[in-house]
N, C-alpha and C. Protein backbone atom coordinates (compact mmCIF):
# COMPACT_ATOMS: atom_id res chain seq x y z
N UNK A 1 23.24 4.72 -8.63
CA UNK A 1 22.21 5.67 -8.92
C UNK A 1 22.19 6.73 -7.79
N UNK A 2 22.12 7.98 -8.19
CA UNK A 2 22.11 9.05 -7.19
C UNK A 2 20.67 9.40 -6.85
N UNK A 3 20.37 9.57 -5.55
CA UNK A 3 19.00 9.91 -5.21
C UNK A 3 18.62 11.33 -5.69
N UNK A 4 17.33 11.56 -5.83
CA UNK A 4 16.78 12.85 -6.17
C UNK A 4 17.29 13.90 -5.19
N UNK A 5 17.54 15.13 -5.62
CA UNK A 5 18.07 16.18 -4.71
C UNK A 5 17.12 16.48 -3.50
N UNK A 6 15.84 16.16 -3.59
CA UNK A 6 14.94 16.39 -2.48
C UNK A 6 14.93 15.22 -1.48
N UNK A 7 15.69 14.17 -1.77
CA UNK A 7 15.73 12.97 -0.90
C UNK A 7 16.88 13.12 0.07
N UNK A 8 16.60 13.03 1.34
CA UNK A 8 17.63 13.03 2.39
C UNK A 8 18.51 11.84 2.30
N UNK A 9 17.85 10.66 2.26
CA UNK A 9 18.56 9.39 2.10
C UNK A 9 17.59 8.31 1.56
N UNK A 10 18.16 7.31 0.96
CA UNK A 10 17.38 6.17 0.43
C UNK A 10 17.17 5.21 1.58
N UNK A 11 15.91 4.93 1.83
CA UNK A 11 15.58 4.00 2.92
C UNK A 11 15.53 2.54 2.42
N UNK A 12 14.97 2.31 1.21
CA UNK A 12 14.93 0.97 0.61
C UNK A 12 15.26 1.12 -0.87
N UNK A 13 16.25 0.32 -1.30
CA UNK A 13 16.65 0.39 -2.70
C UNK A 13 15.65 -0.36 -3.57
N UNK A 14 15.75 -0.11 -4.84
CA UNK A 14 14.86 -0.83 -5.78
C UNK A 14 15.08 -2.33 -5.69
N UNK A 15 16.31 -2.78 -5.49
CA UNK A 15 16.58 -4.24 -5.35
C UNK A 15 15.98 -4.77 -4.11
N UNK A 16 16.09 -4.09 -2.99
CA UNK A 16 15.47 -4.57 -1.71
C UNK A 16 13.95 -4.71 -1.87
N UNK A 17 13.36 -3.72 -2.54
CA UNK A 17 11.91 -3.81 -2.74
C UNK A 17 11.52 -5.01 -3.59
N UNK A 18 12.26 -5.22 -4.70
CA UNK A 18 11.92 -6.32 -5.61
C UNK A 18 12.16 -7.66 -4.95
N UNK A 19 13.23 -7.78 -4.17
CA UNK A 19 13.50 -9.04 -3.48
C UNK A 19 12.38 -9.36 -2.46
N UNK A 20 11.91 -8.37 -1.77
CA UNK A 20 10.82 -8.58 -0.78
C UNK A 20 9.50 -8.90 -1.50
N UNK A 21 9.25 -8.27 -2.64
CA UNK A 21 8.03 -8.58 -3.38
C UNK A 21 8.05 -9.99 -3.93
N UNK A 22 9.24 -10.45 -4.30
CA UNK A 22 9.38 -11.91 -4.71
C UNK A 22 8.88 -12.80 -3.59
N UNK A 23 9.35 -12.53 -2.36
CA UNK A 23 9.00 -13.33 -1.19
C UNK A 23 7.50 -13.23 -0.92
N UNK A 24 6.97 -12.04 -0.93
CA UNK A 24 5.53 -11.85 -0.68
C UNK A 24 4.69 -12.54 -1.72
N UNK A 25 5.05 -12.38 -2.99
CA UNK A 25 4.27 -13.03 -4.09
C UNK A 25 4.25 -14.56 -3.93
N UNK A 26 5.41 -15.11 -3.59
CA UNK A 26 5.43 -16.56 -3.39
C UNK A 26 4.61 -16.99 -2.23
N UNK A 27 4.61 -16.25 -1.13
CA UNK A 27 3.81 -16.59 0.05
C UNK A 27 2.30 -16.46 -0.23
N UNK A 28 1.92 -15.39 -0.97
CA UNK A 28 0.52 -15.24 -1.31
C UNK A 28 0.07 -16.34 -2.22
N UNK A 29 0.89 -16.71 -3.21
CA UNK A 29 0.52 -17.82 -4.13
C UNK A 29 0.33 -19.12 -3.35
N UNK A 30 1.17 -19.37 -2.36
CA UNK A 30 1.06 -20.59 -1.56
C UNK A 30 -0.23 -20.54 -0.69
N UNK A 31 -0.46 -19.38 -0.10
CA UNK A 31 -1.61 -19.25 0.85
C UNK A 31 -2.96 -19.31 0.11
N UNK A 32 -2.98 -18.87 -1.13
CA UNK A 32 -4.23 -18.81 -1.84
C UNK A 32 -4.26 -19.81 -3.03
N UNK A 33 -3.48 -20.88 -2.94
CA UNK A 33 -3.37 -21.83 -4.07
C UNK A 33 -4.71 -22.44 -4.46
N UNK A 34 -5.59 -22.68 -3.47
CA UNK A 34 -6.90 -23.31 -3.74
C UNK A 34 -7.89 -22.32 -4.37
N UNK A 35 -7.85 -21.10 -3.99
CA UNK A 35 -8.82 -20.12 -4.46
C UNK A 35 -8.12 -18.76 -4.58
N UNK A 36 -7.71 -18.36 -5.78
CA UNK A 36 -7.02 -17.09 -5.95
C UNK A 36 -7.85 -15.91 -5.48
N UNK A 37 -7.18 -14.95 -4.82
CA UNK A 37 -7.94 -13.78 -4.35
C UNK A 37 -8.16 -12.74 -5.46
N UNK A 38 -9.02 -11.79 -5.14
CA UNK A 38 -9.10 -10.58 -5.98
C UNK A 38 -8.21 -9.55 -5.26
N UNK A 39 -7.30 -9.00 -6.00
CA UNK A 39 -6.44 -7.98 -5.46
C UNK A 39 -7.11 -6.64 -5.54
N UNK A 40 -7.22 -5.89 -4.46
CA UNK A 40 -7.77 -4.58 -4.45
C UNK A 40 -6.69 -3.56 -4.13
N UNK A 41 -6.27 -2.88 -5.16
CA UNK A 41 -5.27 -1.82 -4.99
C UNK A 41 -5.89 -0.54 -4.56
N UNK A 42 -5.17 0.17 -3.67
CA UNK A 42 -5.66 1.46 -3.18
C UNK A 42 -4.88 2.57 -3.93
N UNK A 43 -5.63 3.32 -4.74
CA UNK A 43 -5.05 4.37 -5.56
C UNK A 43 -4.70 5.58 -4.71
N UNK A 44 -3.75 6.33 -5.12
CA UNK A 44 -2.85 6.13 -6.24
C UNK A 44 -1.60 5.43 -5.82
N UNK A 45 -1.26 5.50 -4.53
CA UNK A 45 0.04 5.03 -4.06
C UNK A 45 0.35 3.58 -4.33
N UNK A 46 -0.66 2.72 -4.37
CA UNK A 46 -0.40 1.27 -4.52
C UNK A 46 -0.17 0.82 -5.96
N UNK A 47 -0.19 1.75 -6.92
CA UNK A 47 -0.05 1.34 -8.32
C UNK A 47 1.27 0.55 -8.54
N UNK A 48 2.38 1.02 -8.10
CA UNK A 48 3.65 0.35 -8.32
C UNK A 48 3.68 -1.01 -7.62
N UNK A 49 3.32 -0.99 -6.32
CA UNK A 49 3.29 -2.25 -5.55
C UNK A 49 2.37 -3.27 -6.18
N UNK A 50 1.17 -2.84 -6.53
CA UNK A 50 0.17 -3.77 -7.13
C UNK A 50 0.67 -4.37 -8.41
N UNK A 51 1.22 -3.54 -9.30
CA UNK A 51 1.72 -4.10 -10.59
C UNK A 51 2.86 -5.06 -10.39
N UNK A 52 3.81 -4.71 -9.58
CA UNK A 52 4.96 -5.58 -9.38
C UNK A 52 4.57 -6.81 -8.57
N UNK A 53 3.71 -6.70 -7.55
CA UNK A 53 3.33 -7.84 -6.76
C UNK A 53 2.52 -8.81 -7.55
N UNK A 54 1.54 -8.29 -8.31
CA UNK A 54 0.68 -9.15 -9.15
C UNK A 54 1.45 -10.04 -10.05
N UNK A 55 2.53 -9.50 -10.63
CA UNK A 55 3.41 -10.29 -11.57
C UNK A 55 4.16 -11.39 -10.85
N UNK A 56 4.22 -11.32 -9.54
CA UNK A 56 4.99 -12.29 -8.75
C UNK A 56 4.05 -13.37 -8.10
N UNK A 57 2.78 -13.21 -8.27
CA UNK A 57 1.82 -14.21 -7.71
C UNK A 57 1.50 -15.17 -8.86
N UNK A 58 1.97 -16.39 -8.72
CA UNK A 58 1.78 -17.36 -9.78
C UNK A 58 0.43 -18.03 -9.69
N UNK A 59 -0.62 -17.20 -9.76
CA UNK A 59 -2.01 -17.65 -9.76
C UNK A 59 -2.78 -16.80 -10.72
N UNK A 60 -4.00 -17.20 -11.02
CA UNK A 60 -4.91 -16.41 -11.90
C UNK A 60 -5.65 -15.43 -10.98
N UNK A 61 -5.02 -14.30 -10.73
CA UNK A 61 -5.68 -13.31 -9.85
C UNK A 61 -6.41 -12.24 -10.67
N UNK A 62 -7.46 -11.73 -10.10
CA UNK A 62 -8.15 -10.57 -10.67
C UNK A 62 -7.66 -9.34 -9.88
N UNK A 63 -7.79 -8.17 -10.55
CA UNK A 63 -7.40 -6.91 -9.90
C UNK A 63 -8.53 -5.93 -10.04
N UNK A 64 -8.70 -5.11 -9.03
CA UNK A 64 -9.61 -4.00 -9.07
C UNK A 64 -9.01 -2.90 -8.22
N UNK A 65 -9.58 -1.71 -8.29
CA UNK A 65 -8.98 -0.53 -7.68
C UNK A 65 -10.04 0.22 -6.91
N UNK A 66 -9.62 0.81 -5.82
CA UNK A 66 -10.41 1.79 -5.08
C UNK A 66 -9.54 3.03 -4.85
N UNK A 67 -10.14 4.14 -4.83
CA UNK A 67 -9.47 5.36 -4.43
C UNK A 67 -10.25 5.93 -3.26
N UNK A 68 -9.52 6.11 -2.20
CA UNK A 68 -10.11 6.75 -1.00
C UNK A 68 -9.15 7.84 -0.58
N UNK A 69 -9.69 8.88 0.02
CA UNK A 69 -8.92 10.02 0.37
C UNK A 69 -9.03 10.36 1.84
N UNK A 70 -7.87 10.59 2.47
CA UNK A 70 -7.87 11.15 3.77
C UNK A 70 -6.65 12.06 3.98
N UNK A 71 -5.91 12.34 2.93
CA UNK A 71 -4.69 13.07 3.07
C UNK A 71 -4.69 14.50 2.56
N UNK A 72 -5.15 14.73 1.38
CA UNK A 72 -4.96 16.09 0.80
C UNK A 72 -3.50 16.25 0.44
N UNK A 73 -2.95 17.45 0.61
CA UNK A 73 -1.53 17.61 0.21
C UNK A 73 -0.61 17.71 1.39
N UNK A 74 -1.11 17.50 2.59
CA UNK A 74 -0.25 17.60 3.78
C UNK A 74 0.51 16.34 4.04
N UNK A 75 1.12 16.28 5.24
CA UNK A 75 1.92 15.12 5.61
C UNK A 75 1.24 14.29 6.72
N UNK A 76 0.09 14.72 7.20
CA UNK A 76 -0.60 13.98 8.23
C UNK A 76 -2.01 13.58 7.76
N UNK A 77 -2.50 12.42 8.21
CA UNK A 77 -3.82 11.96 7.87
C UNK A 77 -4.87 12.85 8.50
N UNK A 78 -5.90 13.19 7.75
CA UNK A 78 -7.01 14.04 8.28
C UNK A 78 -7.95 13.21 9.12
N UNK A 79 -7.98 11.86 8.88
CA UNK A 79 -8.93 11.00 9.59
C UNK A 79 -10.28 10.97 8.91
N UNK A 80 -10.55 11.84 7.98
CA UNK A 80 -11.79 11.83 7.25
C UNK A 80 -11.61 11.06 5.96
N UNK A 81 -12.46 10.07 5.73
CA UNK A 81 -12.27 9.17 4.56
C UNK A 81 -13.46 9.35 3.61
N UNK A 82 -13.17 9.44 2.35
CA UNK A 82 -14.23 9.42 1.35
C UNK A 82 -13.78 8.59 0.15
N UNK A 83 -14.79 7.92 -0.48
CA UNK A 83 -14.50 7.10 -1.63
C UNK A 83 -14.47 7.99 -2.86
N UNK A 84 -13.37 7.97 -3.58
CA UNK A 84 -13.21 8.71 -4.84
C UNK A 84 -13.51 7.83 -6.04
N UNK A 85 -13.17 6.53 -5.90
CA UNK A 85 -13.46 5.53 -6.94
C UNK A 85 -13.74 4.22 -6.23
N UNK A 86 -14.88 3.63 -6.50
CA UNK A 86 -15.27 2.38 -5.84
C UNK A 86 -14.95 1.19 -6.74
N UNK A 87 -15.02 0.01 -6.18
CA UNK A 87 -14.76 -1.21 -6.89
C UNK A 87 -15.78 -1.38 -8.03
N UNK A 88 -15.32 -2.01 -9.09
CA UNK A 88 -16.24 -2.33 -10.17
C UNK A 88 -16.61 -3.81 -10.12
N UNK A 89 -16.14 -4.53 -9.11
CA UNK A 89 -16.34 -5.98 -8.99
C UNK A 89 -17.13 -6.31 -7.74
N UNK A 90 -18.02 -7.30 -7.87
CA UNK A 90 -18.79 -7.78 -6.71
C UNK A 90 -17.84 -8.70 -5.94
N UNK A 91 -17.60 -8.40 -4.68
CA UNK A 91 -16.64 -9.20 -3.88
C UNK A 91 -17.36 -10.18 -2.95
N UNK A 92 -18.67 -10.28 -2.98
CA UNK A 92 -19.39 -11.16 -2.09
C UNK A 92 -18.96 -12.61 -2.36
N UNK A 93 -18.65 -13.29 -1.23
CA UNK A 93 -18.18 -14.68 -1.32
C UNK A 93 -16.76 -14.87 -1.82
N UNK A 94 -16.04 -13.79 -2.01
CA UNK A 94 -14.69 -13.89 -2.56
C UNK A 94 -13.63 -13.60 -1.48
N UNK A 95 -12.43 -14.14 -1.73
CA UNK A 95 -11.26 -13.76 -0.93
C UNK A 95 -10.71 -12.48 -1.48
N UNK A 96 -10.54 -11.49 -0.63
CA UNK A 96 -10.07 -10.19 -1.03
C UNK A 96 -8.69 -9.91 -0.39
N UNK A 97 -7.76 -9.42 -1.17
CA UNK A 97 -6.45 -9.02 -0.61
C UNK A 97 -6.25 -7.57 -0.96
N UNK A 98 -6.32 -6.73 0.07
CA UNK A 98 -6.08 -5.26 -0.14
C UNK A 98 -4.58 -5.07 -0.33
N UNK A 99 -4.20 -4.38 -1.35
CA UNK A 99 -2.75 -4.06 -1.56
C UNK A 99 -2.56 -2.60 -1.28
N UNK A 100 -1.70 -2.33 -0.32
CA UNK A 100 -1.41 -0.91 0.10
C UNK A 100 0.07 -0.59 -0.12
N UNK A 101 0.37 0.67 -0.34
CA UNK A 101 1.71 1.10 -0.40
C UNK A 101 2.27 1.26 1.01
N UNK A 102 1.51 1.88 1.89
CA UNK A 102 1.98 2.21 3.21
C UNK A 102 0.83 2.26 4.21
N UNK A 103 1.06 1.79 5.42
CA UNK A 103 0.12 1.95 6.52
C UNK A 103 0.78 2.89 7.53
N UNK A 104 0.17 4.03 7.74
CA UNK A 104 0.69 5.03 8.59
C UNK A 104 -0.12 5.00 9.92
N UNK A 105 -1.12 5.84 10.04
CA UNK A 105 -1.96 5.85 11.28
C UNK A 105 -2.82 4.62 11.33
N UNK A 106 -3.21 4.08 10.14
CA UNK A 106 -4.14 3.01 10.09
C UNK A 106 -5.59 3.34 10.01
N UNK A 107 -5.86 4.67 10.19
CA UNK A 107 -7.24 5.13 10.21
C UNK A 107 -8.00 4.85 8.89
N UNK A 108 -7.35 5.17 7.80
CA UNK A 108 -7.99 4.97 6.50
C UNK A 108 -8.21 3.51 6.25
N UNK A 109 -7.18 2.67 6.53
CA UNK A 109 -7.28 1.24 6.30
C UNK A 109 -8.39 0.61 7.17
N UNK A 110 -8.47 1.03 8.42
CA UNK A 110 -9.54 0.52 9.30
C UNK A 110 -10.89 0.79 8.72
N UNK A 111 -11.09 1.99 8.20
CA UNK A 111 -12.37 2.33 7.54
C UNK A 111 -12.59 1.44 6.31
N UNK A 112 -11.51 1.29 5.50
CA UNK A 112 -11.65 0.50 4.25
C UNK A 112 -11.95 -0.98 4.57
N UNK A 113 -11.33 -1.54 5.58
CA UNK A 113 -11.61 -2.93 5.95
C UNK A 113 -13.08 -3.09 6.34
N UNK A 114 -13.58 -2.16 7.18
CA UNK A 114 -14.95 -2.20 7.56
C UNK A 114 -15.88 -2.13 6.36
N UNK A 115 -15.61 -1.21 5.49
CA UNK A 115 -16.43 -0.99 4.28
C UNK A 115 -16.44 -2.24 3.44
N UNK A 116 -15.28 -2.86 3.17
CA UNK A 116 -15.25 -4.03 2.31
C UNK A 116 -15.85 -5.25 2.99
N UNK A 117 -15.68 -5.41 4.28
CA UNK A 117 -16.25 -6.56 5.01
C UNK A 117 -17.75 -6.48 5.00
N UNK A 118 -18.34 -5.28 4.91
CA UNK A 118 -19.79 -5.14 4.88
C UNK A 118 -20.39 -5.62 3.57
N UNK A 119 -19.52 -5.91 2.56
CA UNK A 119 -19.99 -6.33 1.26
C UNK A 119 -20.07 -7.90 1.12
N UNK A 120 -19.83 -8.57 2.19
CA UNK A 120 -20.02 -10.04 2.22
C UNK A 120 -18.91 -10.87 1.58
N UNK A 121 -17.63 -10.47 1.62
CA UNK A 121 -16.59 -11.31 1.08
C UNK A 121 -16.38 -12.55 2.02
N UNK A 122 -15.73 -13.58 1.49
CA UNK A 122 -15.34 -14.74 2.29
C UNK A 122 -14.28 -14.30 3.28
N UNK A 123 -13.30 -13.54 2.80
CA UNK A 123 -12.23 -13.05 3.69
C UNK A 123 -11.68 -11.77 3.11
N UNK A 124 -11.07 -10.96 4.02
CA UNK A 124 -10.40 -9.72 3.61
C UNK A 124 -9.07 -9.69 4.39
N UNK A 125 -8.01 -9.70 3.64
CA UNK A 125 -6.64 -9.61 4.25
C UNK A 125 -5.95 -8.39 3.65
N UNK A 126 -4.80 -8.05 4.22
CA UNK A 126 -4.06 -6.88 3.82
C UNK A 126 -2.63 -7.22 3.53
N UNK A 127 -2.09 -6.69 2.43
CA UNK A 127 -0.71 -6.75 2.06
C UNK A 127 -0.22 -5.31 1.89
N UNK A 128 0.81 -4.94 2.59
CA UNK A 128 1.38 -3.59 2.46
C UNK A 128 2.87 -3.67 2.25
N UNK A 129 3.37 -2.80 1.41
CA UNK A 129 4.83 -2.75 1.22
C UNK A 129 5.51 -2.17 2.46
N UNK A 130 4.93 -1.13 3.02
CA UNK A 130 5.51 -0.41 4.18
C UNK A 130 4.49 -0.26 5.31
N UNK A 131 5.04 -0.32 6.51
CA UNK A 131 4.18 -0.08 7.73
C UNK A 131 5.05 0.74 8.68
N UNK A 132 4.41 1.74 9.29
CA UNK A 132 5.05 2.54 10.31
C UNK A 132 4.43 2.21 11.66
N UNK A 133 4.99 1.22 12.37
CA UNK A 133 4.40 0.83 13.64
C UNK A 133 4.30 1.91 14.64
N UNK A 134 5.27 2.84 14.65
CA UNK A 134 5.34 3.89 15.64
C UNK A 134 4.30 4.96 15.37
N UNK A 135 3.66 4.97 14.16
CA UNK A 135 2.70 5.98 13.83
C UNK A 135 1.25 5.47 13.99
N UNK A 136 1.13 4.17 14.27
CA UNK A 136 -0.21 3.56 14.30
C UNK A 136 -1.08 4.18 15.42
N UNK A 137 -2.31 4.52 15.01
CA UNK A 137 -3.29 5.03 15.98
C UNK A 137 -4.38 4.03 16.22
N UNK A 138 -4.47 2.98 15.41
CA UNK A 138 -5.44 1.91 15.61
C UNK A 138 -4.74 0.61 15.33
N UNK A 139 -5.21 -0.47 15.95
CA UNK A 139 -4.62 -1.83 15.79
C UNK A 139 -5.26 -2.48 14.56
N UNK A 140 -4.42 -2.89 13.61
CA UNK A 140 -4.95 -3.56 12.39
C UNK A 140 -4.09 -4.81 12.18
N UNK A 141 -4.78 -5.92 11.92
CA UNK A 141 -4.04 -7.17 11.63
C UNK A 141 -3.68 -7.12 10.15
N UNK A 142 -2.40 -7.09 9.89
CA UNK A 142 -1.86 -7.05 8.52
C UNK A 142 -1.17 -8.39 8.26
N UNK A 143 -1.70 -9.14 7.29
CA UNK A 143 -1.16 -10.45 7.02
C UNK A 143 0.18 -10.46 6.34
N UNK A 144 0.39 -9.53 5.41
CA UNK A 144 1.67 -9.49 4.69
C UNK A 144 2.27 -8.06 4.76
N UNK A 145 3.46 -7.99 5.31
CA UNK A 145 4.17 -6.72 5.48
C UNK A 145 5.52 -6.81 4.80
N UNK A 146 5.78 -5.88 3.87
CA UNK A 146 7.08 -5.87 3.25
C UNK A 146 8.16 -5.40 4.22
N UNK A 147 8.00 -4.19 4.75
CA UNK A 147 8.99 -3.64 5.63
C UNK A 147 8.35 -2.77 6.70
N UNK A 148 8.82 -2.87 7.92
CA UNK A 148 8.46 -1.92 8.96
C UNK A 148 9.49 -0.81 8.87
N UNK A 149 9.02 0.41 8.86
CA UNK A 149 9.92 1.56 8.75
C UNK A 149 9.70 2.57 9.85
N UNK A 150 10.71 3.46 10.06
CA UNK A 150 10.54 4.52 11.08
C UNK A 150 9.54 5.53 10.66
N UNK A 151 9.08 6.36 11.62
CA UNK A 151 8.02 7.35 11.28
C UNK A 151 8.62 8.61 10.58
N UNK A 152 9.12 8.40 9.42
CA UNK A 152 9.70 9.49 8.63
C UNK A 152 8.78 9.66 7.40
N UNK A 153 8.87 10.84 6.78
CA UNK A 153 8.08 11.08 5.58
C UNK A 153 8.80 10.53 4.39
N UNK A 154 8.19 9.46 3.76
CA UNK A 154 8.87 8.71 2.68
C UNK A 154 8.16 8.97 1.34
N UNK A 155 8.97 8.95 0.29
CA UNK A 155 8.46 9.13 -1.04
C UNK A 155 9.08 8.12 -1.96
N UNK A 156 8.53 8.00 -3.15
CA UNK A 156 9.08 7.07 -4.17
C UNK A 156 8.30 5.75 -4.19
N UNK A 157 8.47 5.03 -5.27
CA UNK A 157 7.78 3.77 -5.48
C UNK A 157 6.30 3.84 -5.22
N UNK A 158 5.70 4.89 -5.74
CA UNK A 158 4.25 5.11 -5.62
C UNK A 158 3.90 6.13 -4.56
N UNK A 159 4.79 6.34 -3.57
CA UNK A 159 4.46 7.27 -2.53
C UNK A 159 4.83 8.69 -2.96
N UNK A 160 3.94 9.65 -2.56
CA UNK A 160 4.11 10.99 -3.05
C UNK A 160 4.18 12.04 -1.93
N UNK A 161 4.58 13.21 -2.32
CA UNK A 161 4.35 14.41 -1.57
C UNK A 161 3.73 15.40 -2.54
N UNK A 162 2.50 15.84 -2.29
CA UNK A 162 1.74 16.73 -3.16
C UNK A 162 1.78 16.25 -4.62
N UNK A 163 1.56 14.93 -4.79
CA UNK A 163 1.50 14.26 -6.09
C UNK A 163 2.82 14.13 -6.82
N UNK A 164 3.95 14.51 -6.26
CA UNK A 164 5.24 14.39 -6.89
C UNK A 164 6.01 13.22 -6.29
N UNK A 165 7.01 12.79 -7.00
CA UNK A 165 7.99 11.79 -6.60
C UNK A 165 7.52 10.34 -6.68
N UNK A 166 6.29 10.01 -7.11
CA UNK A 166 5.82 8.68 -7.15
C UNK A 166 6.66 7.80 -8.05
N UNK A 167 7.30 8.39 -9.05
CA UNK A 167 8.04 7.62 -10.07
C UNK A 167 9.42 7.23 -9.64
N UNK A 168 9.89 7.64 -8.49
CA UNK A 168 11.23 7.20 -8.06
C UNK A 168 11.21 5.71 -7.82
N UNK A 169 12.26 5.00 -8.25
CA UNK A 169 12.25 3.52 -8.18
C UNK A 169 12.61 2.97 -6.83
N UNK A 170 12.90 3.79 -5.87
CA UNK A 170 13.30 3.40 -4.51
C UNK A 170 12.35 4.16 -3.54
N UNK A 171 12.47 3.84 -2.27
CA UNK A 171 11.81 4.58 -1.18
C UNK A 171 12.83 5.40 -0.50
N UNK A 172 12.57 6.75 -0.50
CA UNK A 172 13.52 7.68 0.16
C UNK A 172 12.85 8.52 1.16
N UNK A 173 13.61 9.06 2.08
CA UNK A 173 13.12 10.00 3.06
C UNK A 173 13.21 11.42 2.49
N UNK A 174 12.05 12.13 2.45
CA UNK A 174 11.98 13.44 1.94
C UNK A 174 12.68 14.42 2.88
N UNK A 175 13.47 15.30 2.32
CA UNK A 175 14.11 16.33 3.13
C UNK A 175 13.08 17.20 3.82
N UNK A 176 13.27 17.47 5.11
CA UNK A 176 12.28 18.28 5.85
C UNK A 176 12.13 19.66 5.21
N UNK A 177 13.17 20.19 4.65
CA UNK A 177 13.10 21.56 4.04
C UNK A 177 12.08 21.59 2.87
N UNK A 178 11.75 20.45 2.29
CA UNK A 178 10.80 20.45 1.18
C UNK A 178 9.40 20.66 1.70
N UNK A 179 9.03 20.01 2.81
CA UNK A 179 7.62 20.13 3.29
C UNK A 179 7.48 21.09 4.47
N UNK A 180 8.57 21.54 5.05
CA UNK A 180 8.46 22.54 6.14
C UNK A 180 8.80 23.91 5.64
N UNK A 181 9.39 24.00 4.47
CA UNK A 181 9.87 25.27 3.94
C UNK A 181 8.88 25.88 3.12
């Protein structure tokens, strides 16, 4: 398969992603065997990860969604977070597993963790497909990490640039000329 013309190079193939989700799903199923968690996907980026991960967790899990915004159409986090869509489920007393596509600065996730913990769940953990350790601005304990990646602008598998490229089946590095030109 040839990458999209706006992709500089493929960072993670579709097969690499699916193999790692198999491992994460098995680990989550083992860790939550006694009490299945509610999966909370963070829209829009986590749609692909959430759908594929949920199918790999051999438990009766519930799913809900939140949409929070701190990006706009740029390539850097603004640090300002607002809820665009809140949970429809009461999470008090429940085990919650936040499913993210990527953790970049960590600012949005830190805010989200604080917000969800204030609602009285038994536990709140994080599963992310991608993490950029070199871009972190705050320390966050992430229980499940698919891949640590370099601080490059990535698209595909749910990740976008100005709402485009989410449908690519791999994770690729966006050519600088696309967002600097």
